[in-house]
Amino acid sequence: MRLGPFPTDVGGTPTIHGAIHLIVATFAFLGGVLGELALSRSLRNNPLMKGVGNYAVVIAVVALASLAALFLGPSAAPAVFQSISGLVERVFIGLVLAWMFVVSASLLSLRAEEIRAS
């Protein structure tokens, strides 16, 4: 299921489309950050991937912190958070994409070294 057919509510009355968007986004964001944390830990324990594993853990922890800010911000500082919620969401998404890029580039580099060695 994708979020595209279910646009978020921007002010006004909440809609079923907005509710579906929030539910799907919540599961997707949680799945993304929990997957990053689990895979980062595995990468860090792999001798070939230890270097990138350390970077991956840092990115995943910062992503978790931004996700926590996204979830807790509305209740902790509603007036401030209302104006920056979109920015916090984009920072989280950017961190998830950065994690994917770092891990993918490292895996490609490792594969290239393996091919050259054979």
N, C-alpha and C. Protein backbone atom coordinates (compact mmCIF):
# COMPACT_ATOMS: atom_id res chain seq x y z
N MET A 1 0.84 -1.17 0.00
CA MET A 1 0.00 0.00 0.00
C MET A 1 0.89 1.24 0.00
N ARG A 2 0.48 2.23 -0.72
CA ARG A 2 1.27 3.45 -0.83
C ARG A 2 0.54 4.62 -0.21
N LEU A 3 1.29 5.67 0.08
CA LEU A 3 0.70 6.85 0.68
C LEU A 3 0.10 7.80 -0.36
N GLY A 4 0.53 7.69 -1.61
CA GLY A 4 0.07 8.60 -2.67
C GLY A 4 -1.44 8.74 -2.77
N PRO A 5 -2.19 7.64 -2.80
CA PRO A 5 -3.64 7.77 -2.93
C PRO A 5 -4.32 8.35 -1.68
N PHE A 6 -3.56 8.47 -0.59
CA PHE A 6 -4.14 8.95 0.66
C PHE A 6 -3.40 10.19 1.13
N PRO A 7 -3.76 11.34 0.58
CA PRO A 7 -3.05 12.58 0.94
C PRO A 7 -3.28 12.94 2.41
N THR A 8 -2.28 13.59 2.96
CA THR A 8 -2.38 14.03 4.35
C THR A 8 -3.35 15.20 4.46
N ASP A 9 -3.93 15.35 5.62
CA ASP A 9 -4.84 16.48 5.87
C ASP A 9 -4.00 17.71 6.18
N VAL A 10 -4.27 18.78 5.49
CA VAL A 10 -3.58 20.04 5.74
C VAL A 10 -4.60 21.02 6.29
N GLY A 11 -4.65 21.07 7.62
CA GLY A 11 -5.63 21.95 8.26
C GLY A 11 -7.06 21.47 8.00
N GLY A 12 -8.00 22.14 8.54
CA GLY A 12 -9.39 21.80 8.30
C GLY A 12 -9.83 20.54 9.01
N THR A 13 -10.90 19.95 8.50
CA THR A 13 -11.49 18.76 9.11
C THR A 13 -10.70 17.51 8.74
N PRO A 14 -10.40 16.65 9.73
CA PRO A 14 -9.72 15.40 9.42
C PRO A 14 -10.57 14.51 8.51
N THR A 15 -9.90 13.82 7.60
CA THR A 15 -10.60 12.93 6.66
C THR A 15 -10.10 11.50 6.81
N ILE A 16 -10.82 10.56 6.24
CA ILE A 16 -10.40 9.16 6.27
C ILE A 16 -9.09 8.99 5.51
N HIS A 17 -8.91 9.76 4.43
CA HIS A 17 -7.66 9.69 3.67
C HIS A 17 -6.48 10.14 4.53
N GLY A 18 -6.68 11.20 5.29
CA GLY A 18 -5.62 11.69 6.17
C GLY A 18 -5.31 10.69 7.28
N ALA A 19 -6.34 10.04 7.82
CA ALA A 19 -6.13 9.04 8.87
C ALA A 19 -5.35 7.85 8.32
N ILE A 20 -5.71 7.37 7.13
CA ILE A 20 -4.99 6.25 6.51
C ILE A 20 -3.54 6.65 6.25
N HIS A 21 -3.33 7.87 5.77
CA HIS A 21 -1.98 8.37 5.52
C HIS A 21 -1.14 8.31 6.79
N LEU A 22 -1.69 8.80 7.91
CA LEU A 22 -0.95 8.80 9.16
C LEU A 22 -0.64 7.39 9.66
N ILE A 23 -1.59 6.48 9.53
CA ILE A 23 -1.38 5.11 10.00
C ILE A 23 -0.30 4.42 9.17
N VAL A 24 -0.42 4.52 7.84
CA VAL A 24 0.57 3.87 6.96
C VAL A 24 1.94 4.50 7.15
N ALA A 25 2.00 5.82 7.25
CA ALA A 25 3.28 6.51 7.44
C ALA A 25 3.92 6.10 8.77
N THR A 26 3.13 5.96 9.81
CA THR A 26 3.65 5.56 11.11
C THR A 26 4.30 4.19 11.03
N PHE A 27 3.60 3.22 10.43
CA PHE A 27 4.18 1.88 10.29
C PHE A 27 5.42 1.90 9.38
N ALA A 28 5.38 2.67 8.31
CA ALA A 28 6.53 2.74 7.40
C ALA A 28 7.73 3.37 8.09
N PHE A 29 7.52 4.45 8.82
CA PHE A 29 8.62 5.12 9.51
C PHE A 29 9.20 4.23 10.61
N LEU A 30 8.33 3.60 11.39
CA LEU A 30 8.82 2.70 12.44
C LEU A 30 9.58 1.52 11.83
N GLY A 31 9.02 0.94 10.79
CA GLY A 31 9.69 -0.17 10.12
C GLY A 31 11.04 0.22 9.56
N GLY A 32 11.10 1.41 8.98
CA GLY A 32 12.36 1.89 8.41
C GLY A 32 13.44 2.05 9.46
N VAL A 33 13.13 2.72 10.54
CA VAL A 33 14.16 3.00 11.56
C VAL A 33 14.52 1.73 12.34
N LEU A 34 13.54 0.88 12.62
CA LEU A 34 13.86 -0.37 13.33
C LEU A 34 14.68 -1.31 12.45
N GLY A 35 14.37 -1.35 11.16
CA GLY A 35 15.16 -2.14 10.22
C GLY A 35 16.58 -1.63 10.13
N GLU A 36 16.73 -0.31 10.07
CA GLU A 36 18.07 0.27 10.03
C GLU A 36 18.88 -0.10 11.27
N LEU A 37 18.25 -0.01 12.43
CA LEU A 37 18.96 -0.33 13.66
C LEU A 37 19.38 -1.79 13.69
N ALA A 38 18.49 -2.69 13.31
CA ALA A 38 18.80 -4.12 13.32
C ALA A 38 19.90 -4.45 12.31
N LEU A 39 19.78 -3.92 11.10
CA LEU A 39 20.79 -4.21 10.08
C LEU A 39 22.13 -3.55 10.41
N SER A 40 22.09 -2.37 10.99
CA SER A 40 23.34 -1.69 11.36
C SER A 40 24.10 -2.50 12.39
N ARG A 41 23.38 -3.05 13.33
CA ARG A 41 24.03 -3.89 14.35
C ARG A 41 24.68 -5.12 13.71
N SER A 42 23.98 -5.73 12.76
CA SER A 42 24.55 -6.88 12.06
C SER A 42 25.77 -6.48 11.25
N LEU A 43 25.70 -5.33 10.58
CA LEU A 43 26.83 -4.87 9.80
C LEU A 43 28.05 -4.62 10.69
N ARG A 44 27.80 -4.05 11.84
CA ARG A 44 28.90 -3.74 12.76
C ARG A 44 29.58 -5.01 13.28
N ASN A 45 28.82 -6.09 13.36
CA ASN A 45 29.37 -7.36 13.84
C ASN A 45 30.05 -8.17 12.74
N ASN A 46 29.93 -7.72 11.48
CA ASN A 46 30.56 -8.41 10.36
C ASN A 46 31.94 -7.79 10.13
N PRO A 47 33.00 -8.61 10.18
CA PRO A 47 34.36 -8.05 10.03
C PRO A 47 34.56 -7.28 8.72
N LEU A 48 33.93 -7.70 7.64
CA LEU A 48 34.09 -7.02 6.35
C LEU A 48 33.35 -5.69 6.31
N MET A 49 32.33 -5.55 7.12
CA MET A 49 31.47 -4.36 7.07
C MET A 49 31.55 -3.50 8.34
N LYS A 50 32.50 -3.82 9.21
CA LYS A 50 32.56 -3.13 10.50
C LYS A 50 32.64 -1.61 10.36
N GLY A 51 33.46 -1.13 9.43
CA GLY A 51 33.62 0.32 9.26
C GLY A 51 32.32 1.01 8.89
N VAL A 52 31.63 0.49 7.90
CA VAL A 52 30.36 1.10 7.50
C VAL A 52 29.29 0.84 8.55
N GLY A 53 29.42 -0.27 9.26
CA GLY A 53 28.44 -0.58 10.31
C GLY A 53 28.41 0.48 11.38
N ASN A 54 29.58 1.01 11.74
CA ASN A 54 29.63 2.07 12.74
C ASN A 54 28.93 3.34 12.25
N TYR A 55 29.17 3.72 11.00
CA TYR A 55 28.48 4.88 10.42
C TYR A 55 26.98 4.62 10.34
N ALA A 56 26.62 3.41 9.95
CA ALA A 56 25.20 3.07 9.80
C ALA A 56 24.49 3.15 11.14
N VAL A 57 25.15 2.72 12.21
CA VAL A 57 24.53 2.81 13.54
C VAL A 57 24.30 4.27 13.92
N VAL A 58 25.28 5.12 13.67
CA VAL A 58 25.14 6.55 14.00
C VAL A 58 23.98 7.16 13.23
N ILE A 59 23.90 6.89 11.93
CA ILE A 59 22.80 7.45 11.12
C ILE A 59 21.46 6.92 11.63
N ALA A 60 21.40 5.62 11.95
CA ALA A 60 20.15 5.03 12.42
C ALA A 60 19.71 5.63 13.76
N VAL A 61 20.66 5.88 14.66
CA VAL A 61 20.32 6.46 15.96
C VAL A 61 19.83 7.90 15.79
N VAL A 62 20.48 8.66 14.91
CA VAL A 62 20.02 10.03 14.66
C VAL A 62 18.63 10.00 14.01
N ALA A 63 18.40 9.04 13.11
CA ALA A 63 17.07 8.89 12.51
C ALA A 63 16.03 8.56 13.58
N LEU A 64 16.39 7.70 14.52
CA LEU A 64 15.48 7.37 15.61
C LEU A 64 15.17 8.60 16.45
N ALA A 65 16.17 9.43 16.70
CA ALA A 65 15.96 10.66 17.47
C ALA A 65 15.03 11.61 16.71
N SER A 66 15.21 11.72 15.40
CA SER A 66 14.33 12.61 14.63
C SER A 66 12.91 12.05 14.58
N LEU A 67 12.78 10.72 14.53
CA LEU A 67 11.44 10.11 14.57
C LEU A 67 10.79 10.35 15.93
N ALA A 68 11.56 10.25 17.00
CA ALA A 68 11.04 10.55 18.33
C ALA A 68 10.58 12.00 18.40
N ALA A 69 11.36 12.90 17.82
CA ALA A 69 10.95 14.31 17.79
C ALA A 69 9.67 14.49 17.00
N LEU A 70 9.53 13.73 15.92
CA LEU A 70 8.33 13.82 15.09
C LEU A 70 7.10 13.35 15.87
N PHE A 71 7.26 12.28 16.65
CA PHE A 71 6.12 11.76 17.41
C PHE A 71 5.85 12.55 18.69
N LEU A 72 6.90 12.99 19.37
CA LEU A 72 6.74 13.66 20.66
C LEU A 72 6.62 15.17 20.55
N GLY A 73 7.07 15.73 19.44
CA GLY A 73 7.04 17.19 19.27
C GLY A 73 5.69 17.84 19.45
N PRO A 74 4.62 17.27 18.86
CA PRO A 74 3.32 17.93 19.00
C PRO A 74 2.85 18.07 20.45
N SER A 75 3.20 17.13 21.32
CA SER A 75 2.76 17.25 22.71
C SER A 75 3.77 18.03 23.56
N ALA A 76 5.06 17.98 23.18
CA ALA A 76 6.09 18.65 23.97
C ALA A 76 6.11 20.17 23.73
N ALA A 77 5.98 20.57 22.49
CA ALA A 77 6.04 22.01 22.14
C ALA A 77 5.12 22.26 20.96
N PRO A 78 3.81 22.23 21.17
CA PRO A 78 2.87 22.31 20.04
C PRO A 78 3.01 23.58 19.19
N ALA A 79 3.22 24.72 19.81
CA ALA A 79 3.30 25.96 19.04
C ALA A 79 4.53 25.97 18.14
N VAL A 80 5.67 25.54 18.67
CA VAL A 80 6.91 25.51 17.89
C VAL A 80 6.85 24.41 16.85
N PHE A 81 6.39 23.24 17.25
CA PHE A 81 6.44 22.09 16.36
C PHE A 81 5.53 22.26 15.15
N GLN A 82 4.44 22.96 15.32
CA GLN A 82 3.52 23.14 14.19
C GLN A 82 4.22 23.79 13.00
N SER A 83 5.15 24.68 13.26
CA SER A 83 5.83 25.37 12.17
C SER A 83 7.01 24.59 11.60
N ILE A 84 7.51 23.58 12.33
CA ILE A 84 8.68 22.85 11.83
C ILE A 84 8.41 21.36 11.61
N SER A 85 7.18 20.91 11.74
CA SER A 85 6.89 19.47 11.63
C SER A 85 7.28 18.92 10.25
N GLY A 86 7.01 19.69 9.21
CA GLY A 86 7.39 19.24 7.86
C GLY A 86 8.89 19.10 7.70
N LEU A 87 9.63 20.02 8.29
CA LEU A 87 11.09 19.96 8.25
C LEU A 87 11.61 18.72 8.99
N VAL A 88 11.06 18.45 10.16
CA VAL A 88 11.49 17.29 10.95
C VAL A 88 11.19 16.00 10.18
N GLU A 89 10.04 15.94 9.54
CA GLU A 89 9.69 14.76 8.75
C GLU A 89 10.68 14.57 7.59
N ARG A 90 11.03 15.65 6.93
CA ARG A 90 11.96 15.54 5.81
C ARG A 90 13.37 15.19 6.27
N VAL A 91 13.77 15.68 7.42
CA VAL A 91 15.07 15.30 7.98
C VAL A 91 15.08 13.80 8.24
N PHE A 92 14.00 13.26 8.81
CA PHE A 92 13.92 11.82 9.06
C PHE A 92 14.04 11.05 7.75
N ILE A 93 13.26 11.43 6.77
CA ILE A 93 13.29 10.73 5.48
C ILE A 93 14.68 10.84 4.85
N GLY A 94 15.30 12.02 4.95
CA GLY A 94 16.66 12.20 4.43
C GLY A 94 17.66 11.29 5.12
N LEU A 95 17.51 11.10 6.41
CA LEU A 95 18.41 10.20 7.15
C LEU A 95 18.22 8.75 6.73
N VAL A 96 16.98 8.34 6.51
CA VAL A 96 16.72 6.98 6.04
C VAL A 96 17.36 6.78 4.67
N LEU A 97 17.21 7.76 3.79
CA LEU A 97 17.82 7.66 2.46
C LEU A 97 19.35 7.70 2.54
N ALA A 98 19.89 8.51 3.44
CA ALA A 98 21.35 8.57 3.61
C ALA A 98 21.88 7.22 4.09
N TRP A 99 21.16 6.59 5.01
CA TRP A 99 21.57 5.27 5.50
C TRP A 99 21.60 4.28 4.33
N MET A 100 20.56 4.30 3.51
CA MET A 100 20.51 3.39 2.36
C MET A 100 21.68 3.65 1.41
N PHE A 101 22.00 4.91 1.17
CA PHE A 101 23.09 5.25 0.27
C PHE A 101 24.43 4.77 0.82
N VAL A 102 24.69 5.03 2.09
CA VAL A 102 25.97 4.65 2.71
C VAL A 102 26.14 3.13 2.67
N VAL A 103 25.12 2.41 3.06
CA VAL A 103 25.21 0.94 3.08
C VAL A 103 25.33 0.40 1.66
N SER A 104 24.54 0.91 0.74
CA SER A 104 24.59 0.44 -0.65
C SER A 104 25.95 0.70 -1.28
N ALA A 105 26.48 1.90 -1.08
CA ALA A 105 27.79 2.23 -1.65
C ALA A 105 28.87 1.32 -1.08
N SER A 106 28.77 1.03 0.20
CA SER A 106 29.75 0.15 0.82
C SER A 106 29.64 -1.27 0.27
N LEU A 107 28.43 -1.76 0.11
CA LEU A 107 28.24 -3.10 -0.44
C LEU A 107 28.74 -3.17 -1.88
N LEU A 108 28.48 -2.13 -2.67
CA LEU A 108 28.97 -2.12 -4.05
C LEU A 108 30.50 -2.09 -4.08
N SER A 109 31.09 -1.32 -3.20
CA SER A 109 32.54 -1.24 -3.12
C SER A 109 33.14 -2.59 -2.73
N LEU A 110 32.51 -3.24 -1.77
CA LEU A 110 32.97 -4.56 -1.34
C LEU A 110 32.87 -5.56 -2.48
N ARG A 111 31.78 -5.51 -3.21
CA ARG A 111 31.58 -6.41 -4.35
C ARG A 111 32.62 -6.13 -5.44
N ALA A 112 32.93 -4.87 -5.71
CA ALA A 112 33.93 -4.53 -6.71
C ALA A 112 35.30 -5.06 -6.31
N GLU A 113 35.65 -4.95 -5.03
CA GLU A 113 36.92 -5.48 -4.55
C GLU A 113 36.96 -7.00 -4.69
N GLU A 114 35.85 -7.64 -4.43
CA GLU A 114 35.76 -9.09 -4.55
C GLU A 114 35.95 -9.52 -6.01
N ILE A 115 35.37 -8.79 -6.95
CA ILE A 115 35.49 -9.10 -8.37
C ILE A 115 36.94 -8.91 -8.82
N ARG A 116 37.57 -7.82 -8.40
CA ARG A 116 38.97 -7.55 -8.77
C ARG A 116 39.90 -8.61 -8.22
N ALA A 117 39.58 -9.13 -7.04
CA ALA A 117 40.44 -10.13 -6.41
C ALA A 117 40.36 -11.49 -7.09
N SER A 118 39.28 -11.75 -7.80
CA SER A 118 39.13 -13.08 -8.42
C SER A 118 39.70 -13.16 -9.81
